């Protein structure tokens, strides 16, 4: 599921509904980091990642970003970045883009 589509679902459903089942996230890191929810600023993807980390849920992702970029304050922050280190194996594919 694309990260932007997942974010739209998280606006309607609880993070807990995605906290245990295996999940594959495409374009990881490209979704908006914060949303307004009835006047409150929320970070649903960070909440989801932390919940999945706590539950040991299998999470797979595809991203154009490095761990350092994802761990930056402009993305998920250092705390979530530390969790990403243990949740994911980062494999860099070098060479020309395979997108057409």
PDB file of N, CA and C in Angstrom:
ATOM      1  N   UNK A   1       0.852  -1.163   0.000  1.00  0.00           N
ATOM      2  CA  UNK A   1       0.000   0.000   0.000  1.00  0.00           C
ATOM      3  C   UNK A   1       0.901   1.229   0.000  1.00  0.00           C
ATOM      4  N   UNK A   2       0.573   2.198  -0.812  1.00  0.00           N
ATOM      5  CA  UNK A   2       1.352   3.437  -0.840  1.00  0.00           C
ATOM      6  C   UNK A   2       1.187   4.167   0.491  1.00  0.00           C
ATOM      7  N   UNK A   3       2.266   4.801   0.933  1.00  0.00           N
ATOM      8  CA  UNK A   3       2.246   5.481   2.226  1.00  0.00           C
ATOM      9  C   UNK A   3       1.169   6.565   2.273  1.00  0.00           C
ATOM     10  N   UNK A   4       0.945   7.261   1.160  1.00  0.00           N
ATOM     11  CA  UNK A   4      -0.080   8.311   1.133  1.00  0.00           C
ATOM     12  C   UNK A   4      -1.484   7.710   1.280  1.00  0.00           C
ATOM     13  N   UNK A   5      -1.712   6.515   0.689  1.00  0.00           N
ATOM     14  CA  UNK A   5      -3.007   5.839   0.843  1.00  0.00           C
ATOM     15  C   UNK A   5      -3.189   5.358   2.277  1.00  0.00           C
ATOM     16  N   UNK A   6      -2.121   4.827   2.861  1.00  0.00           N
ATOM     17  CA  UNK A   6      -2.176   4.377   4.252  1.00  0.00           C
ATOM     18  C   UNK A   6      -2.497   5.541   5.177  1.00  0.00           C
ATOM     19  N   UNK A   7      -1.900   6.694   4.915  1.00  0.00           N
ATOM     20  CA  UNK A   7      -2.172   7.880   5.732  1.00  0.00           C
ATOM     21  C   UNK A   7      -3.647   8.262   5.662  1.00  0.00           C
ATOM     22  N   UNK A   8      -4.241   8.198   4.482  1.00  0.00           N
ATOM     23  CA  UNK A   8      -5.669   8.513   4.337  1.00  0.00           C
ATOM     24  C   UNK A   8      -6.529   7.541   5.158  1.00  0.00           C
ATOM     25  N   UNK A   9      -6.160   6.269   5.168  1.00  0.00           N
ATOM     26  CA  UNK A   9      -6.905   5.281   5.958  1.00  0.00           C
ATOM     27  C   UNK A   9      -6.722   5.555   7.441  1.00  0.00           C
ATOM     28  N   UNK A  10      -5.510   5.933   7.846  1.00  0.00           N
ATOM     29  CA  UNK A  10      -5.239   6.210   9.260  1.00  0.00           C
ATOM     30  C   UNK A  10      -6.006   7.426   9.762  1.00  0.00           C
ATOM     31  N   UNK A  11      -6.412   8.318   8.857  1.00  0.00           N
ATOM     32  CA  UNK A  11      -7.236   9.461   9.257  1.00  0.00           C
ATOM     33  C   UNK A  11      -8.610   8.982   9.728  1.00  0.00           C
ATOM     34  N   UNK A  12      -9.090   7.885   9.144  1.00  0.00           N
ATOM     35  CA  UNK A  12     -10.423   7.371   9.440  1.00  0.00           C
ATOM     36  C   UNK A  12     -10.419   6.260  10.503  1.00  0.00           C
ATOM     37  N   UNK A  13      -9.372   5.431  10.492  1.00  0.00           N
ATOM     38  CA  UNK A  13      -9.311   4.281  11.390  1.00  0.00           C
ATOM     39  C   UNK A  13      -8.235   4.480  12.443  1.00  0.00           C
ATOM     40  N   UNK A  14      -8.310   3.693  13.477  1.00  0.00           N
ATOM     41  CA  UNK A  14      -7.321   3.716  14.537  1.00  0.00           C
ATOM     42  C   UNK A  14      -6.012   3.079  14.073  1.00  0.00           C
ATOM     43  N   UNK A  15      -4.907   3.563  14.601  1.00  0.00           N
ATOM     44  CA  UNK A  15      -3.599   2.980  14.336  1.00  0.00           C
ATOM     45  C   UNK A  15      -3.592   1.521  14.768  1.00  0.00           C
ATOM     46  N   UNK A  16      -4.314   1.209  15.825  1.00  0.00           N
ATOM     47  CA  UNK A  16      -4.343  -0.160  16.357  1.00  0.00           C
ATOM     48  C   UNK A  16      -4.887  -1.174  15.356  1.00  0.00           C
ATOM     49  N   UNK A  17      -5.694  -0.744  14.394  1.00  0.00           N
ATOM     50  CA  UNK A  17      -6.221  -1.682  13.398  1.00  0.00           C
ATOM     51  C   UNK A  17      -5.123  -2.177  12.458  1.00  0.00           C
ATOM     52  N   UNK A  18      -3.974  -1.508  12.444  1.00  0.00           N
ATOM     53  CA  UNK A  18      -2.836  -1.905  11.615  1.00  0.00           C
ATOM     54  C   UNK A  18      -1.633  -2.312  12.466  1.00  0.00           C
ATOM     55  N   UNK A  19      -1.834  -2.561  13.748  1.00  0.00           N
ATOM     56  CA  UNK A  19      -0.695  -2.739  14.647  1.00  0.00           C
ATOM     57  C   UNK A  19      -0.100  -4.140  14.664  1.00  0.00           C
ATOM     58  N   UNK A  20      -0.782  -5.147  14.126  1.00  0.00           N
ATOM     59  CA  UNK A  20      -0.272  -6.510  14.261  1.00  0.00           C
ATOM     60  C   UNK A  20      -0.086  -7.269  12.951  1.00  0.00           C
ATOM     61  N   UNK A  21      -0.919  -7.040  11.960  1.00  0.00           N
ATOM     62  CA  UNK A  21      -0.829  -7.787  10.709  1.00  0.00           C
ATOM     63  C   UNK A  21       0.401  -7.351   9.911  1.00  0.00           C
ATOM     64  N   UNK A  22       0.981  -8.246   9.097  1.00  0.00           N
ATOM     65  CA  UNK A  22       2.090  -7.830   8.231  1.00  0.00           C
ATOM     66  C   UNK A  22       1.657  -6.666   7.333  1.00  0.00           C
ATOM     67  N   UNK A  23       2.581  -5.759   7.075  1.00  0.00           N
ATOM     68  CA  UNK A  23       2.266  -4.561   6.299  1.00  0.00           C
ATOM     69  C   UNK A  23       3.438  -4.239   5.374  1.00  0.00           C
ATOM     70  N   UNK A  24       3.133  -3.944   4.118  1.00  0.00           N
ATOM     71  CA  UNK A  24       4.135  -3.505   3.147  1.00  0.00           C
ATOM     72  C   UNK A  24       3.787  -2.074   2.748  1.00  0.00           C
ATOM     73  N   UNK A  25       4.739  -1.160   2.922  1.00  0.00           N
ATOM     74  CA  UNK A  25       4.518   0.257   2.635  1.00  0.00           C
ATOM     75  C   UNK A  25       5.383   0.666   1.449  1.00  0.00           C
ATOM     76  N   UNK A  26       4.748   1.165   0.401  1.00  0.00           N
ATOM     77  CA  UNK A  26       5.452   1.646  -0.789  1.00  0.00           C
ATOM     78  C   UNK A  26       5.639   3.155  -0.666  1.00  0.00           C
ATOM     79  N   UNK A  27       6.722   3.661  -1.205  1.00  0.00           N
ATOM     80  CA  UNK A  27       7.050   5.092  -1.144  1.00  0.00           C
ATOM     81  C   UNK A  27       7.120   5.582   0.293  1.00  0.00           C
ATOM     82  N   UNK A  28       7.694   4.772   1.140  1.00  0.00           N
ATOM     83  CA  UNK A  28       7.845   5.061   2.563  1.00  0.00           C
ATOM     84  C   UNK A  28       8.593   6.377   2.755  1.00  0.00           C
ATOM     85  N   UNK A  29       8.030   7.290   3.527  1.00  0.00           N
ATOM     86  CA  UNK A  29       8.650   8.577   3.800  1.00  0.00           C
ATOM     87  C   UNK A  29       8.163   9.711   2.931  1.00  0.00           C
ATOM     88  N   UNK A  30       7.314   9.437   1.961  1.00  0.00           N
ATOM     89  CA  UNK A  30       6.845  10.484   1.053  1.00  0.00           C
ATOM     90  C   UNK A  30       5.511  11.089   1.491  1.00  0.00           C
ATOM     91  N   UNK A  31       4.866  10.483   2.462  1.00  0.00           N
ATOM     92  CA  UNK A  31       3.575  10.982   2.932  1.00  0.00           C
ATOM     93  C   UNK A  31       3.777  12.225   3.810  1.00  0.00           C
ATOM     94  N   UNK A  32       2.752  13.067   3.957  1.00  0.00           N
ATOM     95  CA  UNK A  32       2.865  14.194   4.886  1.00  0.00           C
ATOM     96  C   UNK A  32       3.133  13.675   6.297  1.00  0.00           C
ATOM     97  N   UNK A  33       4.014  14.327   7.024  1.00  0.00           N
ATOM     98  CA  UNK A  33       4.402  13.836   8.350  1.00  0.00           C
ATOM     99  C   UNK A  33       3.358  14.167   9.418  1.00  0.00           C
ATOM    100  N   UNK A  34       2.668  15.274   9.235  1.00  0.00           N
ATOM    101  CA  UNK A  34       1.667  15.676  10.221  1.00  0.00           C
ATOM    102  C   UNK A  34       0.373  16.055   9.514  1.00  0.00           C
ATOM    103  N   UNK A  35      -0.732  15.813  10.212  1.00  0.00           N
ATOM    104  CA  UNK A  35      -2.048  16.191   9.702  1.00  0.00           C
ATOM    105  C   UNK A  35      -2.811  16.891  10.816  1.00  0.00           C
ATOM    106  N   UNK A  36      -3.810  17.645  10.421  1.00  0.00           N
ATOM    107  CA  UNK A  36      -4.698  18.274  11.400  1.00  0.00           C
ATOM    108  C   UNK A  36      -5.899  17.361  11.594  1.00  0.00           C
ATOM    109  N   UNK A  37      -6.227  17.070  12.837  1.00  0.00           N
ATOM    110  CA  UNK A  37      -7.364  16.233  13.172  1.00  0.00           C
ATOM    111  C   UNK A  37      -8.212  16.982  14.188  1.00  0.00           C
ATOM    112  N   UNK A  38      -9.299  17.586  13.723  1.00  0.00           N
ATOM    113  CA  UNK A  38     -10.173  18.383  14.571  1.00  0.00           C
ATOM    114  C   UNK A  38      -9.393  19.422  15.361  1.00  0.00           C
ATOM    115  N   UNK A  39      -8.471  20.111  14.669  1.00  0.00           N
ATOM    116  CA  UNK A  39      -7.689  21.173  15.286  1.00  0.00           C
ATOM    117  C   UNK A  39      -6.450  20.705  16.014  1.00  0.00           C
ATOM    118  N   UNK A  40      -6.216  19.400  16.081  1.00  0.00           N
ATOM    119  CA  UNK A  40      -5.036  18.866  16.751  1.00  0.00           C
ATOM    120  C   UNK A  40      -4.038  18.371  15.709  1.00  0.00           C
ATOM    121  N   UNK A  41      -2.774  18.661  15.930  1.00  0.00           N
ATOM    122  CA  UNK A  41      -1.718  18.200  15.041  1.00  0.00           C
ATOM    123  C   UNK A  41      -1.349  16.770  15.413  1.00  0.00           C
ATOM    124  N   UNK A  42      -1.419  15.853  14.430  1.00  0.00           N
ATOM    125  CA  UNK A  42      -1.118  14.443  14.670  1.00  0.00           C
ATOM    126  C   UNK A  42      -0.063  13.954  13.686  1.00  0.00           C
ATOM    127  N   UNK A  43       0.651  12.914  14.096  1.00  0.00           N
ATOM    128  CA  UNK A  43       1.644  12.246  13.242  1.00  0.00           C
ATOM    129  C   UNK A  43       1.287  10.772  13.161  1.00  0.00           C
ATOM    130  N   UNK A  44       0.274  10.423  12.351  1.00  0.00           N
ATOM    131  CA  UNK A  44      -0.227   9.050  12.347  1.00  0.00           C
ATOM    132  C   UNK A  44       0.787   8.003  11.902  1.00  0.00           C
ATOM    133  N   UNK A  45       1.674   8.319  10.967  1.00  0.00           N
ATOM    134  CA  UNK A  45       2.641   7.321  10.517  1.00  0.00           C
ATOM    135  C   UNK A  45       3.652   7.022  11.622  1.00  0.00           C
ATOM    136  N   UNK A  46       4.087   8.040  12.343  1.00  0.00           N
ATOM    137  CA  UNK A  46       5.004   7.825  13.467  1.00  0.00           C
ATOM    138  C   UNK A  46       4.304   6.991  14.536  1.00  0.00           C
ATOM    139  N   UNK A  47       3.049   7.309  14.832  1.00  0.00           N
ATOM    140  CA  UNK A  47       2.282   6.522  15.811  1.00  0.00           C
ATOM    141  C   UNK A  47       2.185   5.067  15.367  1.00  0.00           C
ATOM    142  N   UNK A  48       1.916   4.854  14.074  1.00  0.00           N
ATOM    143  CA  UNK A  48       1.791   3.499  13.544  1.00  0.00           C
ATOM    144  C   UNK A  48       3.112   2.746  13.657  1.00  0.00           C
ATOM    145  N   UNK A  49       4.211   3.376  13.261  1.00  0.00           N
ATOM    146  CA  UNK A  49       5.510   2.721  13.329  1.00  0.00           C
ATOM    147  C   UNK A  49       5.881   2.360  14.764  1.00  0.00           C
ATOM    148  N   UNK A  50       5.607   3.256  15.704  1.00  0.00           N
ATOM    149  CA  UNK A  50       5.905   2.978  17.116  1.00  0.00           C
ATOM    150  C   UNK A  50       5.039   1.842  17.642  1.00  0.00           C
ATOM    151  N   UNK A  51       3.783   1.822  17.282  1.00  0.00           N
ATOM    152  CA  UNK A  51       2.867   0.751  17.699  1.00  0.00           C
ATOM    153  C   UNK A  51       3.327  -0.594  17.129  1.00  0.00           C
ATOM    154  N   UNK A  52       3.703  -0.601  15.864  1.00  0.00           N
ATOM    155  CA  UNK A  52       4.158  -1.838  15.224  1.00  0.00           C
ATOM    156  C   UNK A  52       5.478  -2.308  15.831  1.00  0.00           C
ATOM    157  N   UNK A  53       6.352  -1.390  16.170  1.00  0.00           N
ATOM    158  CA  UNK A  53       7.611  -1.738  16.830  1.00  0.00           C
ATOM    159  C   UNK A  53       7.326  -2.401  18.179  1.00  0.00           C
ATOM    160  N   UNK A  54       6.445  -1.794  18.952  1.00  0.00           N
ATOM    161  CA  UNK A  54       6.099  -2.331  20.275  1.00  0.00           C
ATOM    162  C   UNK A  54       5.489  -3.726  20.187  1.00  0.00           C
ATOM    163  N   UNK A  55       4.742  -3.998  19.118  1.00  0.00           N
ATOM    164  CA  UNK A  55       4.086  -5.294  18.945  1.00  0.00           C
ATOM    165  C   UNK A  55       4.938  -6.309  18.187  1.00  0.00           C
ATOM    166  N   UNK A  56       6.070  -5.883  17.667  1.00  0.00           N
ATOM    167  CA  UNK A  56       6.931  -6.784  16.902  1.00  0.00           C
ATOM    168  C   UNK A  56       6.314  -7.215  15.580  1.00  0.00           C
ATOM    169  N   UNK A  57       5.457  -6.371  15.019  1.00  0.00           N
ATOM    170  CA  UNK A  57       4.764  -6.704  13.772  1.00  0.00           C
ATOM    171  C   UNK A  57       5.724  -6.602  12.589  1.00  0.00           C
ATOM    172  N   UNK A  58       5.567  -7.506  11.645  1.00  0.00           N
ATOM    173  CA  UNK A  58       6.385  -7.488  10.432  1.00  0.00           C
ATOM    174  C   UNK A  58       6.002  -6.293   9.572  1.00  0.00           C
ATOM    175  N   UNK A  59       6.981  -5.484   9.262  1.00  0.00           N
ATOM    176  CA  UNK A  59       6.761  -4.297   8.451  1.00  0.00           C
ATOM    177  C   UNK A  59       7.824  -4.259   7.363  1.00  0.00           C
ATOM    178  N   UNK A  60       7.397  -4.133   6.126  1.00  0.00           N
ATOM    179  CA  UNK A  60       8.304  -4.030   4.991  1.00  0.00           C
ATOM    180  C   UNK A  60       8.044  -2.689   4.318  1.00  0.00           C
ATOM    181  N   UNK A  61       9.073  -2.090   3.786  1.00  0.00           N
ATOM    182  CA  UNK A  61       8.898  -0.812   3.116  1.00  0.00           C
ATOM    183  C   UNK A  61       9.852  -0.636   1.963  1.00  0.00           C
ATOM    184  N   UNK A  62       9.439   0.164   1.017  1.00  0.00           N
ATOM    185  CA  UNK A  62      10.260   0.543  -0.129  1.00  0.00           C
ATOM    186  C   UNK A  62      10.351   2.060  -0.099  1.00  0.00           C
ATOM    187  N   UNK A  63      11.578   2.579  -0.190  1.00  0.00           N
ATOM    188  CA  UNK A  63      11.757   4.015  -0.075  1.00  0.00           C
ATOM    189  C   UNK A  63      12.937   4.481  -0.923  1.00  0.00           C
ATOM    190  N   UNK A  64      12.889   5.716  -1.326  1.00  0.00           N
ATOM    191  CA  UNK A  64      14.027   6.336  -1.998  1.00  0.00           C
ATOM    192  C   UNK A  64      14.924   7.041  -0.986  1.00  0.00           C
ATOM    193  N   UNK A  65      14.581   6.978   0.303  1.00  0.00           N
ATOM    194  CA  UNK A  65      15.314   7.678   1.347  1.00  0.00           C
ATOM    195  C   UNK A  65      16.237   6.727   2.104  1.00  0.00           C
ATOM    196  N   UNK A  66      17.339   7.263   2.612  1.00  0.00           N
ATOM    197  CA  UNK A  66      18.257   6.495   3.445  1.00  0.00           C
ATOM    198  C   UNK A  66      17.765   6.511   4.889  1.00  0.00           C
ATOM    199  N   UNK A  67      18.346   5.653   5.711  1.00  0.00           N
ATOM    200  CA  UNK A  67      18.006   5.646   7.134  1.00  0.00           C
ATOM    201  C   UNK A  67      18.306   7.000   7.764  1.00  0.00           C
ATOM    202  N   UNK A  68      19.411   7.610   7.373  1.00  0.00           N
ATOM    203  CA  UNK A  68      19.776   8.916   7.932  1.00  0.00           C
ATOM    204  C   UNK A  68      18.722   9.968   7.609  1.00  0.00           C
ATOM    205  N   UNK A  69      18.211   9.944   6.394  1.00  0.00           N
ATOM    206  CA  UNK A  69      17.172  10.900   5.997  1.00  0.00           C
ATOM    207  C   UNK A  69      15.874  10.621   6.753  1.00  0.00           C
ATOM    208  N   UNK A  70      15.481   9.350   6.839  1.00  0.00           N
ATOM    209  CA  UNK A  70      14.247   8.994   7.533  1.00  0.00           C
ATOM    210  C   UNK A  70      14.320   9.317   9.025  1.00  0.00           C
ATOM    211  N   UNK A  71      15.542   9.289   9.594  1.00  0.00           N
ATOM    212  CA  UNK A  71      15.735   9.565  11.022  1.00  0.00           C
ATOM    213  C   UNK A  71      15.879  11.046  11.332  1.00  0.00           C
ATOM    214  N   UNK A  72      15.898  11.885  10.311  1.00  0.00           N
ATOM    215  CA  UNK A  72      16.077  13.319  10.527  1.00  0.00           C
ATOM    216  C   UNK A  72      14.809  13.933  11.132  1.00  0.00           C
ATOM    217  N   UNK A  73      14.974  15.105  11.707  1.00  0.00           N
ATOM    218  CA  UNK A  73      13.841  15.800  12.322  1.00  0.00           C
ATOM    219  C   UNK A  73      12.798  16.220  11.289  1.00  0.00           C
ATOM    220  N   UNK A  74      13.189  16.345  10.016  1.00  0.00           N
ATOM    221  CA  UNK A  74      12.243  16.685   8.954  1.00  0.00           C
ATOM    222  C   UNK A  74      11.387  15.491   8.551  1.00  0.00           C
ATOM    223  N   UNK A  75      11.787  14.291   8.946  1.00  0.00           N
ATOM    224  CA  UNK A  75      11.040  13.084   8.597  1.00  0.00           C
ATOM    225  C   UNK A  75      10.394  12.508   9.862  1.00  0.00           C
ATOM    226  N   UNK A  76      10.927  11.390  10.363  1.00  0.00           N
ATOM    227  CA  UNK A  76      10.309  10.712  11.509  1.00  0.00           C
ATOM    228  C   UNK A  76      10.963  11.019  12.839  1.00  0.00           C
ATOM    229  N   UNK A  77      12.128  11.621  12.838  1.00  0.00           N
ATOM    230  CA  UNK A  77      12.817  11.961  14.072  1.00  0.00           C
ATOM    231  C   UNK A  77      13.734  10.846  14.555  1.00  0.00           C
ATOM    232  N   UNK A  78      14.591  11.187  15.516  1.00  0.00           N
ATOM    233  CA  UNK A  78      15.609  10.248  15.989  1.00  0.00           C
ATOM    234  C   UNK A  78      15.012   9.048  16.725  1.00  0.00           C
ATOM    235  N   UNK A  79      14.013   9.271  17.558  1.00  0.00           N
ATOM    236  CA  UNK A  79      13.436   8.161  18.318  1.00  0.00           C
ATOM    237  C   UNK A  79      12.851   7.108  17.379  1.00  0.00           C
ATOM    238  N   UNK A  80      12.045   7.540  16.426  1.00  0.00           N
ATOM    239  CA  UNK A  80      11.462   6.609  15.467  1.00  0.00           C
ATOM    240  C   UNK A  80      12.549   6.051  14.553  1.00  0.00           C
ATOM    241  N   UNK A  81      13.553   6.862  14.210  1.00  0.00           N
ATOM    242  CA  UNK A  81      14.667   6.398  13.393  1.00  0.00           C
ATOM    243  C   UNK A  81      15.415   5.249  14.051  1.00  0.00           C
ATOM    244  N   UNK A  82      15.592   5.318  15.371  1.00  0.00           N
ATOM    245  CA  UNK A  82      16.231   4.210  16.094  1.00  0.00           C
ATOM    246  C   UNK A  82      15.393   2.943  15.992  1.00  0.00           C
ATOM    247  N   UNK A  83      14.100   3.094  16.036  1.00  0.00           N
ATOM    248  CA  UNK A  83      13.222   1.934  15.896  1.00  0.00           C
ATOM    249  C   UNK A  83      13.276   1.372  14.479  1.00  0.00           C
ATOM    250  N   UNK A  84      13.387   2.259  13.494  1.00  0.00           N
ATOM    251  CA  UNK A  84      13.478   1.806  12.103  1.00  0.00           C
ATOM    252  C   UNK A  84      14.709   0.928  11.895  1.00  0.00           C
ATOM    253  N   UNK A  85      15.823   1.261  12.585  1.00  0.00           N
ATOM    254  CA  UNK A  85      17.046   0.466  12.473  1.00  0.00           C
ATOM    255  C   UNK A  85      16.805  -0.994  12.823  1.00  0.00           C
ATOM    256  N   UNK A  86      16.009  -1.225  13.856  1.00  0.00           N
ATOM    257  CA  UNK A  86      15.769  -2.609  14.263  1.00  0.00           C
ATOM    258  C   UNK A  86      14.585  -3.237  13.536  1.00  0.00           C
ATOM    259  N   UNK A  87      13.719  -2.429  12.945  1.00  0.00           N
ATOM    260  CA  UNK A  87      12.550  -2.957  12.238  1.00  0.00           C
ATOM    261  C   UNK A  87      12.862  -3.364  10.803  1.00  0.00           C
ATOM    262  N   UNK A  88      13.814  -2.674  10.169  1.00  0.00           N
ATOM    263  CA  UNK A  88      14.071  -2.852   8.743  1.00  0.00           C
ATOM    264  C   UNK A  88      15.508  -3.251   8.484  1.00  0.00           C
ATOM    265  N   UNK A  89      15.729  -3.956   7.394  1.00  0.00           N
ATOM    266  CA  UNK A  89      17.055  -4.158   6.825  1.00  0.00           C
ATOM    267  C   UNK A  89      17.124  -3.223   5.628  1.00  0.00           C
ATOM    268  N   UNK A  90      18.055  -2.305   5.647  1.00  0.00           N
ATOM    269  CA  UNK A  90      18.172  -1.333   4.567  1.00  0.00           C
ATOM    270  C   UNK A  90      19.102  -1.882   3.500  1.00  0.00           C
ATOM    271  N   UNK A  91      18.582  -2.018   2.283  1.00  0.00           N
ATOM    272  CA  UNK A  91      19.341  -2.534   1.152  1.00  0.00           C
ATOM    273  C   UNK A  91      19.328  -1.470   0.063  1.00  0.00           C
ATOM    274  N   UNK A  92      20.500  -0.948  -0.262  1.00  0.00           N
ATOM    275  CA  UNK A  92      20.594   0.102  -1.280  1.00  0.00           C
ATOM    276  C   UNK A  92      20.781  -0.543  -2.654  1.00  0.00           C
ATOM    277  N   UNK A  93      19.931  -0.163  -3.576  1.00  0.00           N
ATOM    278  CA  UNK A  93      20.054  -0.631  -4.961  1.00  0.00           C
ATOM    279  C   UNK A  93      20.719   0.489  -5.759  1.00  0.00           C
ATOM    280  N   UNK A  94      21.925   0.228  -6.209  1.00  0.00           N
ATOM    281  CA  UNK A  94      22.681   1.243  -6.945  1.00  0.00           C
ATOM    282  C   UNK A  94      22.460   1.087  -8.428  1.00  0.00           C
ATOM    283  N   UNK A  95      22.758   2.125  -9.169  1.00  0.00           N
ATOM    284  CA  UNK A  95      22.632   2.087 -10.618  1.00  0.00           C
ATOM    285  C   UNK A  95      21.550   3.016 -11.101  1.00  0.00           C
ATOM    286  N   UNK A  96      21.253   2.907 -12.368  1.00  0.00           N
ATOM    287  CA  UNK A  96      20.247   3.763 -12.978  1.00  0.00           C
ATOM    288  C   UNK A  96      18.859   3.386 -12.489  1.00  0.00           C
ATOM    289  N   UNK A  97      17.961   4.351 -12.547  1.00  0.00           N
ATOM    290  CA  UNK A  97      16.576   4.108 -12.156  1.00  0.00           C
ATOM    291  C   UNK A  97      15.951   3.059 -13.073  1.00  0.00           C
ATOM    292  N   UNK A  98      15.148   2.207 -12.489  1.00  0.00           N
ATOM    293  CA  UNK A  98      14.462   1.174 -13.264  1.00  0.00           C
ATOM    294  C   UNK A  98      13.037   1.597 -13.622  1.00  0.00           C
ATOM    295  N   UNK A  99      12.692   2.800 -13.235  1.00  0.00           N
ATOM    296  CA  UNK A  99      11.356   3.320 -13.559  1.00  0.00           C
ATOM    297  C   UNK A  99      11.343   3.818 -14.981  1.00  0.00           C
ATOM    298  N   UNK A 100      10.246   3.620 -15.615  1.00  0.00           N
ATOM    299  CA  UNK A 100      10.123   4.035 -17.021  1.00  0.00           C
ATOM    300  C   UNK A 100       9.119   5.135 -17.130  1.00  0.00           C
TER     301      UNK A 100
END
